[in-house]
Amino acid sequence: MNKKNLELLGLKEGATKEEITSAYETLRAKYLEERFMDGEVGNNAAIMLTKIDTAYNDLIREFSESAATEDDGDSYYKVEQYIKDGNLADAQRVLDGFNERGGKWHYLQSVVFFRKNWINESKKQLEIAIQLDPENEKYKETYRKLNDKINYDQQRSANDSVYQGQTVNSADENQMGGSFCASCIECCYINMCINCLCNSCCR
């Protein structure tokens, strides 16, 4: 909290909201009475009224911002737990309740979209998260993994079109290096992406 504002109200660091309000009201009553006096006392009281009003408002705003930050932290934790439990509806409900939407909000929204298999929407939310918090390595690494998945899916789709009638789900067990291996590769890759996008949100 602003040390000068606290000192102006006769308080020390660590003062509670109630203590700040009490000190402000006491000083305000004092200066309201003195401002009608003649000379320097009245002038000084008028000046002090303005100063303590400003100090009080600034201190109360700091308390409100601190409380909002704590509330956001609790809400983010809830979203992470809902995602971890696979409860995407409640995760989205909590996200929708945020007024301030910073980088972490967009990152978690990206994770929810990814779990719903809305890949393009997930990518857009990650891009916004990186724009808002460009130094966040987790966001950038997740974005790289997501792009790798998108490129892999596109390459796989192109390869499927080359082998007419043949897909990674083909049941031809006589085929060299058959469908089972291709499916395993795909599952391993998707699991790696899910771990990156989903599990990292809870670190």
N, C-alpha and C. Protein backbone atom coordinates (compact mmCIF):
# COMPACT_ATOMS: atom_id res chain seq x y z
N MET A 1 0.84 -1.19 0.00
CA MET A 1 0.00 0.00 0.00
C MET A 1 0.88 1.25 0.00
N ASN A 2 0.32 2.35 -0.51
CA ASN A 2 1.07 3.59 -0.60
C ASN A 2 1.44 4.10 0.79
N LYS A 3 2.75 4.14 1.08
CA LYS A 3 3.23 4.50 2.42
C LYS A 3 2.88 5.95 2.78
N LYS A 4 3.00 6.86 1.82
CA LYS A 4 2.71 8.27 2.08
C LYS A 4 1.24 8.47 2.43
N ASN A 5 0.37 7.79 1.73
CA ASN A 5 -1.06 7.90 2.03
C ASN A 5 -1.38 7.38 3.43
N LEU A 6 -0.71 6.28 3.80
CA LEU A 6 -0.92 5.74 5.14
C LEU A 6 -0.43 6.72 6.21
N GLU A 7 0.75 7.29 5.97
CA GLU A 7 1.32 8.24 6.94
C GLU A 7 0.44 9.48 7.07
N LEU A 8 -0.16 9.89 5.96
CA LEU A 8 -1.03 11.06 5.99
C LEU A 8 -2.23 10.83 6.91
N LEU A 9 -2.66 9.59 6.98
CA LEU A 9 -3.79 9.24 7.85
C LEU A 9 -3.32 8.79 9.24
N GLY A 10 -2.00 8.87 9.47
CA GLY A 10 -1.46 8.47 10.76
C GLY A 10 -1.39 6.98 10.96
N LEU A 11 -1.23 6.22 9.87
CA LEU A 11 -1.23 4.76 9.95
C LEU A 11 0.09 4.19 9.46
N LYS A 12 0.31 2.89 9.75
CA LYS A 12 1.51 2.20 9.31
C LYS A 12 1.15 1.09 8.33
N GLU A 13 2.18 0.56 7.68
CA GLU A 13 1.99 -0.55 6.73
C GLU A 13 1.28 -1.71 7.41
N GLY A 14 0.34 -2.29 6.72
CA GLY A 14 -0.41 -3.41 7.28
C GLY A 14 -1.74 -3.01 7.89
N ALA A 15 -2.07 -1.73 7.79
CA ALA A 15 -3.35 -1.26 8.34
C ALA A 15 -4.51 -1.92 7.61
N THR A 16 -5.55 -2.22 8.33
CA THR A 16 -6.73 -2.85 7.73
C THR A 16 -7.63 -1.80 7.09
N LYS A 17 -8.56 -2.28 6.29
CA LYS A 17 -9.52 -1.37 5.66
C LYS A 17 -10.33 -0.62 6.70
N GLU A 18 -10.71 -1.30 7.77
CA GLU A 18 -11.49 -0.68 8.84
C GLU A 18 -10.68 0.41 9.54
N GLU A 19 -9.39 0.16 9.78
CA GLU A 19 -8.51 1.15 10.42
C GLU A 19 -8.34 2.38 9.54
N ILE A 20 -8.22 2.15 8.25
CA ILE A 20 -8.08 3.27 7.31
C ILE A 20 -9.34 4.13 7.32
N THR A 21 -10.48 3.49 7.27
CA THR A 21 -11.75 4.22 7.27
C THR A 21 -11.93 5.01 8.57
N SER A 22 -11.60 4.38 9.69
CA SER A 22 -11.75 5.04 10.99
C SER A 22 -10.84 6.26 11.10
N ALA A 23 -9.58 6.11 10.67
CA ALA A 23 -8.63 7.23 10.74
C ALA A 23 -9.07 8.36 9.83
N TYR A 24 -9.55 8.02 8.66
CA TYR A 24 -10.01 9.04 7.71
C TYR A 24 -11.20 9.82 8.27
N GLU A 25 -12.15 9.12 8.83
CA GLU A 25 -13.34 9.80 9.35
C GLU A 25 -13.00 10.71 10.53
N THR A 26 -12.06 10.27 11.36
CA THR A 26 -11.64 11.11 12.50
C THR A 26 -10.97 12.39 12.02
N LEU A 27 -10.03 12.24 11.08
CA LEU A 27 -9.32 13.42 10.55
C LEU A 27 -10.26 14.34 9.78
N ARG A 28 -11.16 13.74 9.04
CA ARG A 28 -12.10 14.55 8.23
C ARG A 28 -12.99 15.41 9.13
N ALA A 29 -13.46 14.82 10.22
CA ALA A 29 -14.29 15.58 11.16
C ALA A 29 -13.49 16.74 11.77
N LYS A 30 -12.23 16.46 12.07
CA LYS A 30 -11.36 17.49 12.66
C LYS A 30 -11.16 18.65 11.70
N TYR A 31 -10.81 18.35 10.44
CA TYR A 31 -10.52 19.41 9.48
C TYR A 31 -11.79 20.13 9.01
N LEU A 32 -12.91 19.42 8.99
CA LEU A 32 -14.17 20.09 8.65
C LEU A 32 -14.50 21.19 9.67
N GLU A 33 -14.16 20.91 10.89
CA GLU A 33 -14.42 21.89 11.94
C GLU A 33 -13.44 23.06 11.87
N GLU A 34 -12.20 22.74 11.53
CA GLU A 34 -11.15 23.77 11.52
C GLU A 34 -11.19 24.66 10.28
N ARG A 35 -11.78 24.20 9.21
CA ARG A 35 -11.71 24.96 7.96
C ARG A 35 -12.44 26.30 8.03
N PHE A 36 -13.32 26.45 8.99
CA PHE A 36 -14.05 27.71 9.13
C PHE A 36 -13.32 28.70 10.03
N MET A 37 -12.17 28.29 10.57
CA MET A 37 -11.38 29.19 11.40
C MET A 37 -10.64 30.20 10.54
N ASP A 38 -10.29 31.30 11.12
CA ASP A 38 -9.59 32.35 10.39
C ASP A 38 -8.12 32.00 10.20
N GLY A 39 -7.57 32.63 9.19
CA GLY A 39 -6.13 32.56 8.98
C GLY A 39 -5.62 31.23 8.48
N GLU A 40 -4.38 30.94 8.88
CA GLU A 40 -3.66 29.78 8.37
C GLU A 40 -4.31 28.46 8.78
N VAL A 41 -4.90 28.43 9.96
CA VAL A 41 -5.54 27.19 10.42
C VAL A 41 -6.66 26.77 9.48
N GLY A 42 -7.50 27.71 9.10
CA GLY A 42 -8.59 27.41 8.18
C GLY A 42 -8.10 27.01 6.81
N ASN A 43 -7.07 27.73 6.32
CA ASN A 43 -6.51 27.40 5.00
C ASN A 43 -5.87 26.01 5.00
N ASN A 44 -5.13 25.73 6.08
CA ASN A 44 -4.47 24.43 6.18
C ASN A 44 -5.50 23.29 6.25
N ALA A 45 -6.59 23.53 6.98
CA ALA A 45 -7.63 22.51 7.11
C ALA A 45 -8.26 22.21 5.76
N ALA A 46 -8.50 23.24 4.95
CA ALA A 46 -9.08 23.05 3.62
C ALA A 46 -8.16 22.22 2.74
N ILE A 47 -6.85 22.52 2.84
CA ILE A 47 -5.85 21.76 2.04
C ILE A 47 -5.80 20.31 2.50
N MET A 48 -5.81 20.11 3.83
CA MET A 48 -5.72 18.76 4.37
C MET A 48 -6.95 17.92 4.03
N LEU A 49 -8.10 18.56 3.97
CA LEU A 49 -9.31 17.82 3.57
C LEU A 49 -9.15 17.21 2.19
N THR A 50 -8.61 17.98 1.26
CA THR A 50 -8.38 17.48 -0.10
C THR A 50 -7.38 16.35 -0.10
N LYS A 51 -6.30 16.51 0.69
CA LYS A 51 -5.25 15.49 0.72
C LYS A 51 -5.75 14.17 1.32
N ILE A 52 -6.48 14.27 2.43
CA ILE A 52 -6.91 13.01 3.06
C ILE A 52 -8.01 12.34 2.24
N ASP A 53 -8.82 13.13 1.53
CA ASP A 53 -9.83 12.54 0.63
C ASP A 53 -9.14 11.72 -0.45
N THR A 54 -8.10 12.31 -1.06
CA THR A 54 -7.35 11.63 -2.12
C THR A 54 -6.66 10.38 -1.59
N ALA A 55 -6.00 10.52 -0.43
CA ALA A 55 -5.29 9.39 0.17
C ALA A 55 -6.25 8.25 0.49
N TYR A 56 -7.37 8.58 1.08
CA TYR A 56 -8.36 7.56 1.45
C TYR A 56 -8.89 6.83 0.21
N ASN A 57 -9.26 7.58 -0.81
CA ASN A 57 -9.80 6.97 -2.03
C ASN A 57 -8.78 6.06 -2.70
N ASP A 58 -7.50 6.50 -2.71
CA ASP A 58 -6.45 5.68 -3.31
C ASP A 58 -6.24 4.39 -2.54
N LEU A 59 -6.25 4.48 -1.21
CA LEU A 59 -6.04 3.29 -0.38
C LEU A 59 -7.19 2.30 -0.52
N ILE A 60 -8.41 2.81 -0.53
CA ILE A 60 -9.57 1.92 -0.69
C ILE A 60 -9.55 1.25 -2.06
N ARG A 61 -9.13 1.98 -3.09
CA ARG A 61 -9.03 1.40 -4.43
C ARG A 61 -8.00 0.27 -4.45
N GLU A 62 -6.89 0.47 -3.75
CA GLU A 62 -5.88 -0.58 -3.66
C GLU A 62 -6.46 -1.85 -3.02
N PHE A 63 -7.24 -1.67 -1.97
CA PHE A 63 -7.88 -2.81 -1.33
C PHE A 63 -8.81 -3.54 -2.30
N SER A 64 -9.58 -2.77 -3.07
CA SER A 64 -10.53 -3.36 -4.01
C SER A 64 -9.81 -4.13 -5.11
N GLU A 65 -8.72 -3.56 -5.62
CA GLU A 65 -7.95 -4.22 -6.67
C GLU A 65 -7.31 -5.49 -6.15
N SER A 66 -6.81 -5.44 -4.91
CA SER A 66 -6.20 -6.62 -4.31
C SER A 66 -7.22 -7.74 -4.14
N ALA A 67 -8.43 -7.36 -3.68
CA ALA A 67 -9.49 -8.35 -3.50
C ALA A 67 -9.91 -8.96 -4.83
N ALA A 68 -9.98 -8.11 -5.88
CA ALA A 68 -10.36 -8.61 -7.21
C ALA A 68 -9.33 -9.59 -7.73
N THR A 69 -8.05 -9.30 -7.48
CA THR A 69 -6.98 -10.19 -7.92
C THR A 69 -7.08 -11.55 -7.24
N GLU A 70 -7.37 -11.52 -5.93
CA GLU A 70 -7.53 -12.77 -5.19
C GLU A 70 -8.72 -13.57 -5.71
N ASP A 71 -9.81 -12.87 -6.00
CA ASP A 71 -11.00 -13.54 -6.53
C ASP A 71 -10.71 -14.18 -7.88
N ASP A 72 -9.96 -13.46 -8.74
CA ASP A 72 -9.59 -14.00 -10.04
C ASP A 72 -8.73 -15.24 -9.89
N GLY A 73 -7.81 -15.20 -8.90
CA GLY A 73 -6.95 -16.35 -8.67
C GLY A 73 -7.75 -17.57 -8.28
N ASP A 74 -8.73 -17.39 -7.41
CA ASP A 74 -9.60 -18.49 -7.02
C ASP A 74 -10.39 -19.03 -8.20
N SER A 75 -10.88 -18.12 -9.04
CA SER A 75 -11.68 -18.52 -10.20
C SER A 75 -10.83 -19.28 -11.22
N TYR A 76 -9.60 -18.82 -11.44
CA TYR A 76 -8.71 -19.53 -12.36
C TYR A 76 -8.44 -20.95 -11.84
N TYR A 77 -8.27 -21.06 -10.55
CA TYR A 77 -8.03 -22.38 -9.96
C TYR A 77 -9.23 -23.30 -10.21
N LYS A 78 -10.43 -22.75 -10.06
CA LYS A 78 -11.64 -23.53 -10.32
C LYS A 78 -11.68 -24.00 -11.77
N VAL A 79 -11.35 -23.09 -12.70
CA VAL A 79 -11.36 -23.46 -14.12
C VAL A 79 -10.38 -24.60 -14.37
N GLU A 80 -9.17 -24.49 -13.80
CA GLU A 80 -8.16 -25.52 -14.00
C GLU A 80 -8.63 -26.87 -13.46
N GLN A 81 -9.29 -26.84 -12.30
CA GLN A 81 -9.79 -28.09 -11.73
C GLN A 81 -10.91 -28.69 -12.57
N TYR A 82 -11.81 -27.84 -13.07
CA TYR A 82 -12.89 -28.33 -13.92
C TYR A 82 -12.33 -28.96 -15.20
N ILE A 83 -11.32 -28.31 -15.77
CA ILE A 83 -10.70 -28.87 -16.99
C ILE A 83 -10.05 -30.21 -16.68
N LYS A 84 -9.34 -30.25 -15.56
CA LYS A 84 -8.67 -31.49 -15.16
C LYS A 84 -9.67 -32.62 -14.98
N ASP A 85 -10.85 -32.29 -14.45
CA ASP A 85 -11.90 -33.30 -14.22
C ASP A 85 -12.73 -33.58 -15.48
N GLY A 86 -12.46 -32.84 -16.56
CA GLY A 86 -13.22 -33.04 -17.79
C GLY A 86 -14.57 -32.35 -17.78
N ASN A 87 -14.79 -31.46 -16.81
CA ASN A 87 -16.07 -30.75 -16.70
C ASN A 87 -15.97 -29.42 -17.47
N LEU A 88 -16.09 -29.51 -18.77
CA LEU A 88 -15.88 -28.33 -19.62
C LEU A 88 -17.01 -27.32 -19.51
N ALA A 89 -18.22 -27.76 -19.24
CA ALA A 89 -19.36 -26.85 -19.13
C ALA A 89 -19.16 -25.89 -17.96
N ASP A 90 -18.76 -26.42 -16.80
CA ASP A 90 -18.54 -25.56 -15.64
C ASP A 90 -17.30 -24.70 -15.83
N ALA A 91 -16.28 -25.24 -16.48
CA ALA A 91 -15.08 -24.44 -16.77
C ALA A 91 -15.45 -23.22 -17.62
N GLN A 92 -16.28 -23.44 -18.63
CA GLN A 92 -16.71 -22.34 -19.49
C GLN A 92 -17.59 -21.36 -18.73
N ARG A 93 -18.42 -21.87 -17.85
CA ARG A 93 -19.30 -21.01 -17.06
C ARG A 93 -18.49 -20.04 -16.20
N VAL A 94 -17.43 -20.54 -15.56
CA VAL A 94 -16.59 -19.68 -14.73
C VAL A 94 -15.84 -18.67 -15.59
N LEU A 95 -15.32 -19.12 -16.72
CA LEU A 95 -14.61 -18.21 -17.63
C LEU A 95 -15.52 -17.08 -18.12
N ASP A 96 -16.77 -17.42 -18.40
CA ASP A 96 -17.72 -16.41 -18.88
C ASP A 96 -18.00 -15.35 -17.82
N GLY A 97 -17.75 -15.68 -16.55
CA GLY A 97 -18.04 -14.73 -15.47
C GLY A 97 -16.95 -13.70 -15.24
N PHE A 98 -15.81 -13.82 -15.93
CA PHE A 98 -14.71 -12.87 -15.74
C PHE A 98 -15.04 -11.54 -16.41
N ASN A 99 -14.71 -10.45 -15.70
CA ASN A 99 -14.80 -9.12 -16.31
C ASN A 99 -13.48 -8.76 -16.99
N GLU A 100 -12.37 -9.02 -16.30
CA GLU A 100 -11.04 -8.78 -16.86
C GLU A 100 -10.54 -10.06 -17.52
N ARG A 101 -10.13 -9.94 -18.79
CA ARG A 101 -9.71 -11.13 -19.52
C ARG A 101 -8.31 -10.93 -20.07
N GLY A 102 -7.34 -11.36 -19.26
CA GLY A 102 -5.94 -11.22 -19.64
C GLY A 102 -5.42 -12.46 -20.34
N GLY A 103 -4.08 -12.57 -20.36
CA GLY A 103 -3.45 -13.69 -21.06
C GLY A 103 -3.85 -15.04 -20.52
N LYS A 104 -3.93 -15.15 -19.18
CA LYS A 104 -4.28 -16.45 -18.58
C LYS A 104 -5.71 -16.85 -18.94
N TRP A 105 -6.60 -15.87 -18.99
CA TRP A 105 -7.99 -16.18 -19.36
C TRP A 105 -8.04 -16.78 -20.75
N HIS A 106 -7.36 -16.14 -21.70
CA HIS A 106 -7.39 -16.63 -23.09
C HIS A 106 -6.67 -17.98 -23.21
N TYR A 107 -5.63 -18.18 -22.39
CA TYR A 107 -4.95 -19.48 -22.42
C TYR A 107 -5.89 -20.60 -21.97
N LEU A 108 -6.58 -20.37 -20.86
CA LEU A 108 -7.50 -21.39 -20.36
C LEU A 108 -8.68 -21.60 -21.32
N GLN A 109 -9.13 -20.51 -21.96
CA GLN A 109 -10.19 -20.65 -22.96
C GLN A 109 -9.70 -21.50 -24.12
N SER A 110 -8.43 -21.33 -24.46
CA SER A 110 -7.84 -22.15 -25.53
C SER A 110 -7.85 -23.62 -25.14
N VAL A 111 -7.53 -23.91 -23.88
CA VAL A 111 -7.51 -25.30 -23.43
C VAL A 111 -8.92 -25.91 -23.49
N VAL A 112 -9.91 -25.14 -23.08
CA VAL A 112 -11.30 -25.62 -23.14
C VAL A 112 -11.68 -25.93 -24.58
N PHE A 113 -11.36 -25.01 -25.49
CA PHE A 113 -11.68 -25.23 -26.90
C PHE A 113 -10.95 -26.46 -27.45
N PHE A 114 -9.70 -26.64 -27.03
CA PHE A 114 -8.94 -27.80 -27.50
C PHE A 114 -9.58 -29.09 -27.05
N ARG A 115 -10.04 -29.11 -25.78
CA ARG A 115 -10.68 -30.31 -25.27
C ARG A 115 -11.99 -30.61 -25.99
N LYS A 116 -12.61 -29.54 -26.54
CA LYS A 116 -13.83 -29.73 -27.33
C LYS A 116 -13.51 -30.07 -28.79
N ASN A 117 -12.21 -30.12 -29.09
CA ASN A 117 -11.73 -30.38 -30.45
C ASN A 117 -12.04 -29.23 -31.40
N TRP A 118 -12.14 -28.02 -30.86
CA TRP A 118 -12.31 -26.81 -31.68
C TRP A 118 -10.93 -26.22 -31.89
N ILE A 119 -10.17 -26.82 -32.79
CA ILE A 119 -8.75 -26.53 -32.92
C ILE A 119 -8.48 -25.10 -33.39
N ASN A 120 -9.21 -24.64 -34.39
CA ASN A 120 -8.97 -23.28 -34.90
C ASN A 120 -9.28 -22.23 -33.83
N GLU A 121 -10.37 -22.43 -33.09
CA GLU A 121 -10.73 -21.49 -32.03
C GLU A 121 -9.68 -21.52 -30.92
N SER A 122 -9.16 -22.73 -30.63
CA SER A 122 -8.12 -22.86 -29.62
C SER A 122 -6.87 -22.09 -30.03
N LYS A 123 -6.51 -22.20 -31.29
CA LYS A 123 -5.32 -21.50 -31.79
C LYS A 123 -5.49 -19.99 -31.70
N LYS A 124 -6.68 -19.48 -32.03
CA LYS A 124 -6.92 -18.03 -31.96
C LYS A 124 -6.79 -17.52 -30.53
N GLN A 125 -7.32 -18.28 -29.57
CA GLN A 125 -7.23 -17.86 -28.17
C GLN A 125 -5.78 -17.87 -27.68
N LEU A 126 -5.00 -18.83 -28.13
CA LEU A 126 -3.58 -18.87 -27.76
C LEU A 126 -2.84 -17.67 -28.33
N GLU A 127 -3.19 -17.29 -29.55
CA GLU A 127 -2.54 -16.13 -30.17
C GLU A 127 -2.82 -14.86 -29.37
N ILE A 128 -4.05 -14.72 -28.89
CA ILE A 128 -4.40 -13.56 -28.08
C ILE A 128 -3.63 -13.60 -26.76
N ALA A 129 -3.53 -14.79 -26.15
CA ALA A 129 -2.81 -14.94 -24.88
C ALA A 129 -1.36 -14.51 -25.04
N ILE A 130 -0.74 -14.89 -26.16
CA ILE A 130 0.66 -14.54 -26.41
C ILE A 130 0.81 -13.04 -26.65
N GLN A 131 -0.16 -12.44 -27.34
CA GLN A 131 -0.12 -10.99 -27.56
C GLN A 131 -0.19 -10.24 -26.24
N LEU A 132 -1.01 -10.73 -25.32
CA LEU A 132 -1.18 -10.06 -24.02
C LEU A 132 -0.02 -10.34 -23.07
N ASP A 133 0.62 -11.49 -23.24
CA ASP A 133 1.72 -11.87 -22.35
C ASP A 133 2.84 -12.49 -23.19
N PRO A 134 3.54 -11.66 -23.98
CA PRO A 134 4.51 -12.18 -24.95
C PRO A 134 5.73 -12.88 -24.34
N GLU A 135 5.99 -12.69 -23.05
CA GLU A 135 7.15 -13.31 -22.42
C GLU A 135 6.82 -14.67 -21.80
N ASN A 136 5.57 -15.09 -21.88
CA ASN A 136 5.17 -16.34 -21.24
C ASN A 136 5.60 -17.53 -22.10
N GLU A 137 6.58 -18.27 -21.59
CA GLU A 137 7.13 -19.39 -22.36
C GLU A 137 6.14 -20.54 -22.50
N LYS A 138 5.30 -20.73 -21.48
CA LYS A 138 4.33 -21.83 -21.54
C LYS A 138 3.35 -21.61 -22.68
N TYR A 139 2.89 -20.38 -22.84
CA TYR A 139 1.95 -20.08 -23.92
C TYR A 139 2.60 -20.33 -25.27
N LYS A 140 3.85 -19.89 -25.42
CA LYS A 140 4.54 -20.04 -26.70
C LYS A 140 4.83 -21.51 -27.02
N GLU A 141 5.20 -22.27 -26.00
CA GLU A 141 5.47 -23.69 -26.22
C GLU A 141 4.19 -24.44 -26.58
N THR A 142 3.10 -24.10 -25.89
CA THR A 142 1.81 -24.73 -26.21
C THR A 142 1.38 -24.39 -27.63
N TYR A 143 1.61 -23.14 -28.02
CA TYR A 143 1.25 -22.72 -29.38
C TYR A 143 2.06 -23.49 -30.42
N ARG A 144 3.34 -23.72 -30.11
CA ARG A 144 4.17 -24.49 -31.04
C ARG A 144 3.67 -25.92 -31.17
N LYS A 145 3.30 -26.52 -30.03
CA LYS A 145 2.79 -27.89 -30.06
C LYS A 145 1.46 -27.97 -30.83
N LEU A 146 0.64 -26.95 -30.63
CA LEU A 146 -0.66 -26.96 -31.32
C LEU A 146 -0.45 -26.83 -32.83
N ASN A 147 0.48 -25.98 -33.25
CA ASN A 147 0.78 -25.86 -34.68
C ASN A 147 1.34 -27.16 -35.23
N ASP A 148 2.16 -27.84 -34.43
CA ASP A 148 2.69 -29.14 -34.87
C ASP A 148 1.55 -30.13 -35.10
N LYS A 149 0.57 -30.12 -34.21
CA LYS A 149 -0.58 -31.01 -34.37
C LYS A 149 -1.36 -30.68 -35.63
N ILE A 150 -1.59 -29.36 -35.84
CA ILE A 150 -2.35 -28.93 -37.02
C ILE A 150 -1.62 -29.36 -38.29
N ASN A 151 -0.30 -29.15 -38.33
CA ASN A 151 0.50 -29.53 -39.50
C ASN A 151 0.49 -31.04 -39.70
N TYR A 152 0.55 -31.78 -38.59
CA TYR A 152 0.51 -33.24 -38.67
C TYR A 152 -0.82 -33.71 -39.25
N ASP A 153 -1.90 -33.14 -38.76
CA ASP A 153 -3.23 -33.53 -39.25
C ASP A 153 -3.38 -33.22 -40.73
N GLN A 154 -2.85 -32.07 -41.14
CA GLN A 154 -2.94 -31.69 -42.55
C GLN A 154 -2.12 -32.64 -43.42
N GLN A 155 -0.92 -33.00 -42.93
CA GLN A 155 -0.07 -33.91 -43.69
C GLN A 155 -0.70 -35.29 -43.78
N ARG A 156 -1.29 -35.72 -42.67
CA ARG A 156 -1.95 -37.02 -42.66
C ARG A 156 -3.12 -37.04 -43.63
N SER A 157 -3.88 -35.93 -43.66
CA SER A 157 -5.01 -35.86 -44.57
C SER A 157 -4.55 -35.92 -46.02
N ALA A 158 -3.42 -35.25 -46.30
CA ALA A 158 -2.89 -35.26 -47.67
C ALA A 158 -2.42 -36.66 -48.05
N ASN A 159 -1.78 -37.35 -47.11
CA ASN A 159 -1.30 -38.70 -47.39
C ASN A 159 -2.46 -39.66 -47.61
N ASP A 160 -3.54 -39.46 -46.87
CA ASP A 160 -4.71 -40.32 -47.03
C ASP A 160 -5.29 -40.19 -48.44
N SER A 161 -5.21 -39.00 -48.98
CA SER A 161 -5.78 -38.78 -50.32
C SER A 161 -4.92 -39.43 -51.40
N VAL A 162 -3.62 -39.65 -51.08
CA VAL A 162 -2.73 -40.27 -52.07
C VAL A 162 -3.03 -41.76 -52.18
N TYR A 163 -3.21 -42.41 -51.02
CA TYR A 163 -3.51 -43.83 -51.01
C TYR A 163 -5.00 -44.02 -51.09
N GLN A 164 -5.50 -44.12 -52.29
CA GLN A 164 -6.95 -44.19 -52.51
C GLN A 164 -7.54 -45.39 -51.80
N GLY A 165 -8.58 -45.10 -51.00
CA GLY A 165 -9.28 -46.17 -50.29
C GLY A 165 -8.54 -46.70 -49.10
N GLN A 166 -7.34 -46.19 -48.82
CA GLN A 166 -6.55 -46.71 -47.71
C GLN A 166 -6.43 -45.63 -46.64
N THR A 167 -6.78 -45.94 -45.40
CA THR A 167 -6.69 -44.98 -44.30
C THR A 167 -5.91 -45.61 -43.16
N VAL A 168 -5.59 -44.79 -42.16
CA VAL A 168 -4.86 -45.32 -41.01
C VAL A 168 -5.73 -46.28 -40.22
N ASN A 169 -7.02 -46.32 -40.47
CA ASN A 169 -7.92 -47.23 -39.77
C ASN A 169 -8.19 -48.49 -40.57
N SER A 170 -7.44 -48.68 -41.66
CA SER A 170 -7.65 -49.85 -42.50
C SER A 170 -7.48 -51.12 -41.70
N ALA A 171 -8.35 -52.09 -41.97
CA ALA A 171 -8.33 -53.34 -41.21
C ALA A 171 -7.48 -54.40 -41.91
N ASP A 172 -6.71 -54.01 -42.93
CA ASP A 172 -5.90 -54.96 -43.68
C ASP A 172 -4.68 -55.37 -42.84
N GLU A 173 -4.77 -56.52 -42.17
CA GLU A 173 -3.71 -56.94 -41.28
C GLU A 173 -2.52 -57.48 -42.05
N ASN A 174 -2.68 -57.77 -43.34
CA ASN A 174 -1.58 -58.30 -44.13
C ASN A 174 -0.69 -57.20 -44.68
N GLN A 175 -1.12 -55.95 -44.52
CA GLN A 175 -0.34 -54.83 -45.06
C GLN A 175 0.91 -54.65 -44.22
N MET A 176 2.05 -54.43 -44.89
CA MET A 176 3.32 -54.23 -44.19
C MET A 176 3.23 -52.97 -43.35
N GLY A 177 3.57 -53.05 -42.04
CA GLY A 177 3.49 -51.88 -41.17
C GLY A 177 2.08 -51.37 -41.07
N GLY A 178 1.10 -52.24 -40.96
CA GLY A 178 -0.33 -51.95 -41.09
C GLY A 178 -0.89 -50.84 -40.24
N SER A 179 -2.21 -50.83 -40.18
CA SER A 179 -2.96 -49.72 -39.62
C SER A 179 -2.69 -49.54 -38.13
N PHE A 180 -2.36 -50.62 -37.43
CA PHE A 180 -2.18 -50.54 -35.99
C PHE A 180 -1.08 -49.55 -35.64
N CYS A 181 0.04 -49.62 -36.37
CA CYS A 181 1.17 -48.74 -36.09
C CYS A 181 0.82 -47.28 -36.36
N ALA A 182 0.15 -47.06 -37.46
CA ALA A 182 -0.23 -45.69 -37.80
C ALA A 182 -1.15 -45.11 -36.73
N SER A 183 -2.08 -45.94 -36.27
CA SER A 183 -3.00 -45.49 -35.23
C SER A 183 -2.26 -45.20 -33.94
N CYS A 184 -1.26 -46.04 -33.64
CA CYS A 184 -0.49 -45.82 -32.42
C CYS A 184 0.25 -44.49 -32.48
N ILE A 185 0.84 -44.22 -33.63
CA ILE A 185 1.57 -42.95 -33.79
C ILE A 185 0.64 -41.77 -33.57
N GLU A 186 -0.54 -41.87 -34.19
CA GLU A 186 -1.51 -40.78 -34.06
C GLU A 186 -1.92 -40.58 -32.61
N CYS A 187 -2.22 -41.68 -31.91
CA CYS A 187 -2.66 -41.58 -30.52
C CYS A 187 -1.57 -40.99 -29.65
N CYS A 188 -0.33 -41.43 -29.86
CA CYS A 188 0.78 -40.90 -29.06
C CYS A 188 0.94 -39.41 -29.27
N TYR A 189 0.83 -38.99 -30.52
CA TYR A 189 1.00 -37.56 -30.81
C TYR A 189 -0.11 -36.74 -30.18
N ILE A 190 -1.35 -37.19 -30.32
CA ILE A 190 -2.49 -36.44 -29.76
C ILE A 190 -2.39 -36.40 -28.24
N ASN A 191 -1.97 -37.52 -27.62
CA ASN A 191 -1.81 -37.52 -26.17
C ASN A 191 -0.76 -36.52 -25.73
N MET A 192 0.32 -36.41 -26.51
CA MET A 192 1.37 -35.45 -26.19
C MET A 192 0.82 -34.03 -26.22
N CYS A 193 0.01 -33.71 -27.23
CA CYS A 193 -0.58 -32.37 -27.34
C CYS A 193 -1.55 -32.10 -26.21
N ILE A 194 -2.36 -33.11 -25.88
CA ILE A 194 -3.34 -32.93 -24.79
C ILE A 194 -2.62 -32.68 -23.48
N ASN A 195 -1.51 -33.44 -23.25
CA ASN A 195 -0.76 -33.24 -22.02
C ASN A 195 -0.20 -31.83 -21.94
N CYS A 196 0.29 -31.34 -23.06
CA CYS A 196 0.86 -30.00 -23.11
C CYS A 196 -0.20 -28.94 -22.84
N LEU A 197 -1.33 -29.08 -23.55
CA LEU A 197 -2.39 -28.06 -23.44
C LEU A 197 -3.15 -28.15 -22.13
N CYS A 198 -3.46 -29.36 -21.70
CA CYS A 198 -4.37 -29.53 -20.57
C CYS A 198 -3.65 -29.60 -19.24
N ASN A 199 -2.62 -30.46 -19.15
CA ASN A 199 -1.97 -30.66 -17.87
C ASN A 199 -1.15 -29.44 -17.46
N SER A 200 -0.57 -28.73 -18.44
CA SER A 200 0.27 -27.58 -18.11
C SER A 200 -0.51 -26.45 -17.53
N CYS A 201 -1.82 -26.40 -17.75
CA CYS A 201 -2.62 -25.30 -17.22
C CYS A 201 -2.70 -25.35 -15.71
N CYS A 202 -2.38 -26.50 -15.14
CA CYS A 202 -2.52 -26.64 -13.68
C CYS A 202 -1.17 -26.48 -12.98
N ARG A 203 -0.12 -26.13 -13.72
CA ARG A 203 1.18 -25.94 -13.07
C ARG A 203 1.25 -24.61 -12.37
